[in-house]
Structure formats: C-alpha cells, structure tokens
Amino acid sequence: MPAVRVAFDSRPGADTRSVGHYARCLLRALRDTAGERDEILETHRPRSAEVFHAPWLEGAMLRSPCPMVVTIHDVVAFTRPSERLRCGGVHLHLRHLALQRATHVIVPTEVVACEAVSELGLEREHVVVIPAAPEPVAYAPCQPAPPVLPRTWEDVGRETWRVYEDARTQPKRACVAGSSRRLGARAPRGPSSAGL
C-alpha cells in the first residue's frame, strides 16, 4: 500500500473530557500502527496532506483541500432544541454543512450510525463504526486475565488507517449526495433572519 500523509486535528487533545481522551488515544494508536512511510501531521490546516481527520465535530472544515474524515461522538446537539440554542444555531448549521462534505464519518456505535443517517441525512455507506477501546483494567493477582483480550487502541488505529486509505482513493465522494440536505430546513436561523 502506498504511504498516506494525514493531517490530524489534535486540538481537542487538550480537553480533559471524553473527546480529548479519544483524540489523544487515537493519535497515539495511529502513530503506533502507521506504516513505515505513513506520516501524521498534527494540524488543523491540511494544506500539504492527502487526508484530513477531525476527531471532533468542531474541527470539520467547510472547504477542506483534501478528503476529510470526521469523528462524531453523538448527534445530541443536532437533535435537541436546547442544545441548538446553547451551541448557537448558525454555528451548528455551518458544522452540519461541513460534516456533509466529509468523505467518511466515524462513529463509536451502531446506534450513533443509525442516528447520523436518520437525523443528519448522511448516507450509510459513508458512516463507519469504529468503537473506542475500553480503558485497561488492572486485574488483582488472584484474578485471572480474561481469555480473550478486549479491543485495543491499536485495533482502532488500524481500522482508522483503512478509512484513510478509502478516503484517499475516493476523494470526490461526500457523505450527503447532491441536494439531500435534510437538516438544513430544521436548523434554526440566526437572529438577523428572524424578522424576514
């Protein structure tokens, strides 16, 4: 397989909550599972990359210069009116437009995948389920380790590299085909358009 040059938006890694933990662990796993010639650039400006990965919705770009992969952890902000108001209607609408332009969307569960399709109008073949790895469990000396080891972050890293390969080979496809912008009509308008 040819080498892949990936721009990874590492900004959420500074967050102490779950999105930050996901970004830090995934970045480490990508480095551990990268091919000999694969390259990871920590940047949210992917000018010289072949694939851009935003591991959070806020990192999605409206105009990415290369195929874009976005990880969404849930669709709550899009579906609950109170979250839309708290997050800002126009800002959230722009994030949804950016998400629609991604070639692939990574989600943690099949439930979130179904919600992304039904609530956000994404096409199912563009939504990839890659569950995060569980936290390592310390076993007491008298407790035997489980016979089958649980999923690891290296597994997550390898699956994510496969998504990058797919994104690079099909750079023109977007998560929403043509004019099927389902959420666009449901997103709240900004204050300036309310009186029109």
C-alpha atoms as a PDB file:
ATOM      1  CA  MET A   1       0.000   0.000   0.000  1.00  0.00           C
ATOM      2  CA  PRO A   2       1.312   3.479  -0.821  1.00  0.00           C
ATOM      3  CA  ALA A   3       2.130   5.825   2.022  1.00  0.00           C
ATOM      4  CA  VAL A   4      -0.556   8.166   3.361  1.00  0.00           C
ATOM      5  CA  ARG A   5       0.088  11.694   4.599  1.00  0.00           C
ATOM      6  CA  VAL A   6      -2.594  12.512   7.182  1.00  0.00           C
ATOM      7  CA  ALA A   7      -3.336  15.854   8.824  1.00  0.00           C
ATOM      8  CA  PHE A   8      -4.811  15.150  12.266  1.00  0.00           C
ATOM      9  CA  ASP A   9      -6.534  17.946  14.182  1.00  0.00           C
ATOM     10  CA  SER A  10      -5.017  17.393  17.631  1.00  0.00           C
ATOM     11  CA  ARG A  11      -6.594  20.480  19.246  1.00  0.00           C
ATOM     12  CA  PRO A  12      -9.212  18.507  21.229  1.00  0.00           C
ATOM     13  CA  GLY A  13      -6.386  16.574  22.934  1.00  0.00           C
ATOM     14  CA  ALA A  14      -6.054  19.417  25.444  1.00  0.00           C
ATOM     15  CA  ASP A  15      -9.601  18.768  26.662  1.00  0.00           C
ATOM     16  CA  THR A  16      -9.819  16.623  29.796  1.00  0.00           C
ATOM     17  CA  ARG A  17     -13.247  15.233  28.874  1.00  0.00           C
ATOM     18  CA  SER A  18     -14.041  12.198  26.719  1.00  0.00           C
ATOM     19  CA  VAL A  19     -13.434  13.845  23.330  1.00  0.00           C
ATOM     20  CA  GLY A  20      -9.950  14.870  24.454  1.00  0.00           C
ATOM     21  CA  HIS A  21      -9.234  11.370  25.736  1.00  0.00           C
ATOM     22  CA  TYR A  22     -10.402   9.905  22.416  1.00  0.00           C
ATOM     23  CA  ALA A  23      -8.210  12.287  20.391  1.00  0.00           C
ATOM     24  CA  ARG A  24      -5.097  11.608  22.495  1.00  0.00           C
ATOM     25  CA  CYS A  25      -5.521   7.822  22.460  1.00  0.00           C
ATOM     26  CA  LEU A  26      -6.330   7.709  18.742  1.00  0.00           C
ATOM     27  CA  LEU A  27      -3.331   9.869  17.822  1.00  0.00           C
ATOM     28  CA  ARG A  28      -1.033   7.593  19.854  1.00  0.00           C
ATOM     29  CA  ALA A  29      -2.590   4.500  18.242  1.00  0.00           C
ATOM     30  CA  LEU A  30      -2.231   5.957  14.746  1.00  0.00           C
ATOM     31  CA  ARG A  31       1.464   6.564  15.372  1.00  0.00           C
ATOM     32  CA  ASP A  32       1.889   3.024  16.730  1.00  0.00           C
ATOM     33  CA  THR A  33       0.135   1.415  13.749  1.00  0.00           C
ATOM     34  CA  ALA A  34       1.357   3.666  10.934  1.00  0.00           C
ATOM     35  CA  GLY A  35       3.155   2.112   8.015  1.00  0.00           C
ATOM     36  CA  GLU A  36       6.852   2.737   7.558  1.00  0.00           C
ATOM     37  CA  ARG A  37       6.283   5.637   5.154  1.00  0.00           C
ATOM     38  CA  ASP A  38       2.942   6.908   6.516  1.00  0.00           C
ATOM     39  CA  GLU A  39       3.055  10.367   8.045  1.00  0.00           C
ATOM     40  CA  ILE A  40       0.866  12.139  10.609  1.00  0.00           C
ATOM     41  CA  LEU A  41       0.891  15.926  10.782  1.00  0.00           C
ATOM     42  CA  GLU A  42      -0.687  17.489  13.877  1.00  0.00           C
ATOM     43  CA  THR A  43      -2.527  20.406  12.321  1.00  0.00           C
ATOM     44  CA  HIS A  44      -5.998  21.701  11.619  1.00  0.00           C
ATOM     45  CA  ARG A  45      -4.781  23.281   8.359  1.00  0.00           C
ATOM     46  CA  PRO A  46      -4.285  20.349   5.987  1.00  0.00           C
ATOM     47  CA  ARG A  47      -2.665  22.144   3.057  1.00  0.00           C
ATOM     48  CA  SER A  48       0.024  19.541   2.338  1.00  0.00           C
ATOM     49  CA  ALA A  49      -1.876  16.401   3.395  1.00  0.00           C
ATOM     50  CA  GLU A  50      -3.671  13.715   1.398  1.00  0.00           C
ATOM     51  CA  VAL A  51      -6.357  13.142   4.074  1.00  0.00           C
ATOM     52  CA  PHE A  52      -7.608  15.364   6.894  1.00  0.00           C
ATOM     53  CA  HIS A  53      -9.092  13.872  10.089  1.00  0.00           C
ATOM     54  CA  ALA A  54     -11.085  15.997  12.532  1.00  0.00           C
ATOM     55  CA  PRO A  55     -11.682  13.802  15.619  1.00  0.00           C
ATOM     56  CA  TRP A  56     -14.437  16.194  16.766  1.00  0.00           C
ATOM     57  CA  LEU A  57     -17.281  17.995  15.036  1.00  0.00           C
ATOM     58  CA  GLU A  58     -15.835  21.454  15.757  1.00  0.00           C
ATOM     59  CA  GLY A  59     -12.813  20.628  13.602  1.00  0.00           C
ATOM     60  CA  ALA A  60     -14.810  19.878  10.435  1.00  0.00           C
ATOM     61  CA  MET A  61     -13.961  22.273   7.609  1.00  0.00           C
ATOM     62  CA  LEU A  62     -16.342  23.779   5.083  1.00  0.00           C
ATOM     63  CA  ARG A  63     -13.641  23.709   2.406  1.00  0.00           C
ATOM     64  CA  SER A  64     -11.050  21.045   3.040  1.00  0.00           C
ATOM     65  CA  PRO A  65      -8.280  20.959   0.407  1.00  0.00           C
ATOM     66  CA  CYS A  66      -8.184  17.139   0.657  1.00  0.00           C
ATOM     67  CA  PRO A  67     -10.593  14.313   1.548  1.00  0.00           C
ATOM     68  CA  MET A  68     -11.920  14.865   5.072  1.00  0.00           C
ATOM     69  CA  VAL A  69     -12.778  12.281   7.737  1.00  0.00           C
ATOM     70  CA  VAL A  70     -14.764  13.495  10.771  1.00  0.00           C
ATOM     71  CA  THR A  71     -15.462  11.645  14.016  1.00  0.00           C
ATOM     72  CA  ILE A  72     -18.763  12.457  15.699  1.00  0.00           C
ATOM     73  CA  HIS A  73     -19.401  11.046  19.145  1.00  0.00           C
ATOM     74  CA  ASP A  74     -23.167  11.687  19.239  1.00  0.00           C
ATOM     75  CA  VAL A  75     -25.853  13.697  17.449  1.00  0.00           C
ATOM     76  CA  VAL A  76     -27.383  15.316  20.548  1.00  0.00           C
ATOM     77  CA  ALA A  77     -26.512  18.886  19.554  1.00  0.00           C
ATOM     78  CA  PHE A  78     -28.360  18.437  16.268  1.00  0.00           C
ATOM     79  CA  THR A  79     -31.495  16.834  17.679  1.00  0.00           C
ATOM     80  CA  ARG A  80     -32.261  18.704  20.924  1.00  0.00           C
ATOM     81  CA  PRO A  81     -33.546  22.277  20.559  1.00  0.00           C
ATOM     82  CA  SER A  82     -31.941  23.312  23.868  1.00  0.00           C
ATOM     83  CA  GLU A  83     -28.525  22.148  22.628  1.00  0.00           C
ATOM     84  CA  ARG A  84     -29.031  24.010  19.352  1.00  0.00           C
ATOM     85  CA  LEU A  85     -29.677  27.227  21.252  1.00  0.00           C
ATOM     86  CA  ARG A  86     -26.744  26.665  23.618  1.00  0.00           C
ATOM     87  CA  CYS A  87     -24.346  25.820  20.774  1.00  0.00           C
ATOM     88  CA  GLY A  88     -25.596  28.651  18.566  1.00  0.00           C
ATOM     89  CA  GLY A  89     -27.889  27.937  15.639  1.00  0.00           C
ATOM     90  CA  VAL A  90     -25.796  29.419  12.837  1.00  0.00           C
ATOM     91  CA  HIS A  91     -22.578  27.884  14.163  1.00  0.00           C
ATOM     92  CA  LEU A  92     -24.221  24.461  14.397  1.00  0.00           C
ATOM     93  CA  HIS A  93     -25.700  24.793  10.903  1.00  0.00           C
ATOM     94  CA  LEU A  94     -22.225  25.525   9.498  1.00  0.00           C
ATOM     95  CA  ARG A  95     -20.803  22.492  11.331  1.00  0.00           C
ATOM     96  CA  HIS A  96     -23.525  20.340   9.777  1.00  0.00           C
ATOM     97  CA  LEU A  97     -22.690  21.660   6.307  1.00  0.00           C
ATOM     98  CA  ALA A  98     -19.017  20.880   6.916  1.00  0.00           C
ATOM     99  CA  LEU A  99     -19.922  17.384   8.115  1.00  0.00           C
ATOM    100  CA  GLN A 100     -21.893  16.772   4.924  1.00  0.00           C
ATOM    101  CA  ARG A 101     -18.761  17.481   2.883  1.00  0.00           C
ATOM    102  CA  ALA A 102     -16.695  14.789   4.628  1.00  0.00           C
ATOM    103  CA  THR A 103     -15.909  11.650   2.650  1.00  0.00           C
ATOM    104  CA  HIS A 104     -16.292   9.493   5.786  1.00  0.00           C
ATOM    105  CA  VAL A 105     -17.809   9.963   9.222  1.00  0.00           C
ATOM    106  CA  ILE A 106     -16.532   7.764  12.055  1.00  0.00           C
ATOM    107  CA  VAL A 107     -18.961   6.990  14.886  1.00  0.00           C
ATOM    108  CA  PRO A 108     -18.471   4.921  18.069  1.00  0.00           C
ATOM    109  CA  THR A 109     -21.593   2.727  17.894  1.00  0.00           C
ATOM    110  CA  GLU A 110     -24.207   1.336  15.524  1.00  0.00           C
ATOM    111  CA  VAL A 111     -26.828   3.412  17.388  1.00  0.00           C
ATOM    112  CA  VAL A 112     -24.993   6.661  16.592  1.00  0.00           C
ATOM    113  CA  ALA A 113     -24.576   5.470  12.986  1.00  0.00           C
ATOM    114  CA  CYS A 114     -28.346   4.980  12.664  1.00  0.00           C
ATOM    115  CA  GLU A 115     -28.979   8.394  14.226  1.00  0.00           C
ATOM    116  CA  ALA A 116     -26.461  10.032  11.867  1.00  0.00           C
ATOM    117  CA  VAL A 117     -28.318   8.548   8.910  1.00  0.00           C
ATOM    118  CA  SER A 118     -31.842   9.308  10.133  1.00  0.00           C
ATOM    119  CA  GLU A 119     -31.268  12.676  11.835  1.00  0.00           C
ATOM    120  CA  LEU A 120     -28.419  14.170   9.793  1.00  0.00           C
ATOM    121  CA  GLY A 121     -29.228  12.665   6.406  1.00  0.00           C
ATOM    122  CA  LEU A 122     -25.806  11.045   5.948  1.00  0.00           C
ATOM    123  CA  GLU A 123     -25.559   8.111   3.575  1.00  0.00           C
ATOM    124  CA  ARG A 124     -24.962   4.848   5.450  1.00  0.00           C
ATOM    125  CA  GLU A 125     -22.049   3.706   3.295  1.00  0.00           C
ATOM    126  CA  HIS A 126     -20.116   6.811   4.346  1.00  0.00           C
ATOM    127  CA  VAL A 127     -20.633   6.223   8.071  1.00  0.00           C
ATOM    128  CA  VAL A 128     -18.027   3.890   9.602  1.00  0.00           C
ATOM    129  CA  VAL A 129     -18.488   2.363  13.052  1.00  0.00           C
ATOM    130  CA  ILE A 130     -15.176   2.146  14.937  1.00  0.00           C
ATOM    131  CA  PRO A 131     -15.769   1.622  18.663  1.00  0.00           C
ATOM    132  CA  ALA A 132     -13.229   3.174  21.012  1.00  0.00           C
ATOM    133  CA  ALA A 133     -11.122   0.797  23.071  1.00  0.00           C
ATOM    134  CA  PRO A 134     -12.068   0.278  26.712  1.00  0.00           C
ATOM    135  CA  GLU A 135      -9.858   1.565  29.458  1.00  0.00           C
ATOM    136  CA  PRO A 136      -7.285  -1.016  30.584  1.00  0.00           C
ATOM    137  CA  VAL A 137      -8.426  -2.911  33.659  1.00  0.00           C
ATOM    138  CA  ALA A 138      -5.973  -3.848  36.379  1.00  0.00           C
ATOM    139  CA  TYR A 139      -6.527  -7.441  37.483  1.00  0.00           C
ATOM    140  CA  ALA A 140      -5.814  -8.492  41.036  1.00  0.00           C
ATOM    141  CA  PRO A 141      -3.116 -11.185  41.409  1.00  0.00           C
ATOM    142  CA  CYS A 142      -5.758 -13.773  42.330  1.00  0.00           C
ATOM    143  CA  GLN A 143      -7.935 -12.842  39.321  1.00  0.00           C
ATOM    144  CA  PRO A 144      -7.096 -14.460  36.008  1.00  0.00           C
ATOM    145  CA  ALA A 145      -6.962 -12.235  32.956  1.00  0.00           C
ATOM    146  CA  PRO A 146      -9.816 -12.798  30.520  1.00  0.00           C
ATOM    147  CA  PRO A 147      -9.122 -15.499  27.885  1.00  0.00           C
ATOM    148  CA  VAL A 148      -9.845 -13.078  25.033  1.00  0.00           C
ATOM    149  CA  LEU A 149      -8.223  -9.700  25.362  1.00  0.00           C
ATOM    150  CA  PRO A 150     -10.607  -6.775  24.787  1.00  0.00           C
ATOM    151  CA  ARG A 151     -10.346  -4.406  21.864  1.00  0.00           C
ATOM    152  CA  THR A 152      -7.241  -2.200  21.992  1.00  0.00           C
ATOM    153  CA  TRP A 153      -6.426   1.262  20.706  1.00  0.00           C
ATOM    154  CA  GLU A 154      -4.092  -0.375  18.184  1.00  0.00           C
ATOM    155  CA  ASP A 155      -7.177  -2.090  16.698  1.00  0.00           C
ATOM    156  CA  VAL A 156      -8.844   1.319  16.488  1.00  0.00           C
ATOM    157  CA  GLY A 157      -5.731   2.778  14.843  1.00  0.00           C
ATOM    158  CA  ARG A 158      -5.548   0.037  12.193  1.00  0.00           C
ATOM    159  CA  GLU A 159      -9.246   0.425  11.329  1.00  0.00           C
ATOM    160  CA  THR A 160      -8.835   4.203  11.083  1.00  0.00           C
ATOM    161  CA  TRP A 161      -5.874   3.827   8.696  1.00  0.00           C
ATOM    162  CA  ARG A 162      -8.174   1.721   6.459  1.00  0.00           C
ATOM    163  CA  VAL A 163     -10.692   4.578   6.448  1.00  0.00           C
ATOM    164  CA  TYR A 164      -7.902   6.983   5.413  1.00  0.00           C
ATOM    165  CA  GLU A 165      -6.971   4.680   2.523  1.00  0.00           C
ATOM    166  CA  ASP A 166     -10.580   4.556   1.378  1.00  0.00           C
ATOM    167  CA  ALA A 167     -10.935   8.344   1.672  1.00  0.00           C
ATOM    168  CA  ARG A 168      -7.812   8.876  -0.385  1.00  0.00           C
ATOM    169  CA  THR A 169      -8.970   6.581  -3.177  1.00  0.00           C
ATOM    170  CA  GLN A 170     -12.389   8.271  -3.423  1.00  0.00           C
ATOM    171  CA  PRO A 171     -11.686  11.958  -2.766  1.00  0.00           C
ATOM    172  CA  LYS A 172     -14.769  13.363  -4.523  1.00  0.00           C
ATOM    173  CA  ARG A 173     -17.498  11.490  -2.683  1.00  0.00           C
ATOM    174  CA  ALA A 174     -19.339  13.294   0.093  1.00  0.00           C
ATOM    175  CA  CYS A 175     -21.471  11.974   2.944  1.00  0.00           C
ATOM    176  CA  VAL A 176     -24.589  13.576   1.510  1.00  0.00           C
ATOM    177  CA  ALA A 177     -25.293  13.165  -2.187  1.00  0.00           C
ATOM    178  CA  GLY A 178     -26.486  16.079  -4.293  1.00  0.00           C
ATOM    179  CA  SER A 179     -29.172  18.244  -2.789  1.00  0.00           C
ATOM    180  CA  SER A 180     -30.416  15.973   0.007  1.00  0.00           C
ATOM    181  CA  ARG A 181     -29.718  18.459   2.793  1.00  0.00           C
ATOM    182  CA  ARG A 182     -32.155  17.103   5.382  1.00  0.00           C
ATOM    183  CA  LEU A 183     -31.192  19.086   8.457  1.00  0.00           C
ATOM    184  CA  GLY A 184     -30.806  22.379   6.593  1.00  0.00           C
ATOM    185  CA  ALA A 185     -34.517  23.098   6.827  1.00  0.00           C
ATOM    186  CA  ARG A 186     -34.609  22.153  10.516  1.00  0.00           C
ATOM    187  CA  ALA A 187     -31.616  24.170  11.686  1.00  0.00           C
ATOM    188  CA  PRO A 188     -32.517  27.399  13.494  1.00  0.00           C
ATOM    189  CA  ARG A 189     -31.936  30.681  11.706  1.00  0.00           C
ATOM    190  CA  GLY A 190     -29.703  33.406  13.032  1.00  0.00           C
ATOM    191  CA  PRO A 191     -31.162  36.451  14.787  1.00  0.00           C
ATOM    192  CA  SER A 192     -30.750  38.653  11.695  1.00  0.00           C
ATOM    193  CA  SER A 193     -33.028  36.439   9.584  1.00  0.00           C
ATOM    194  CA  ALA A 194     -35.791  36.105  12.194  1.00  0.00           C
ATOM    195  CA  GLY A 195     -37.601  39.280  11.111  1.00  0.00           C
ATOM    196  CA  LEU A 196     -37.559  38.488   7.358  1.00  0.00           C
END
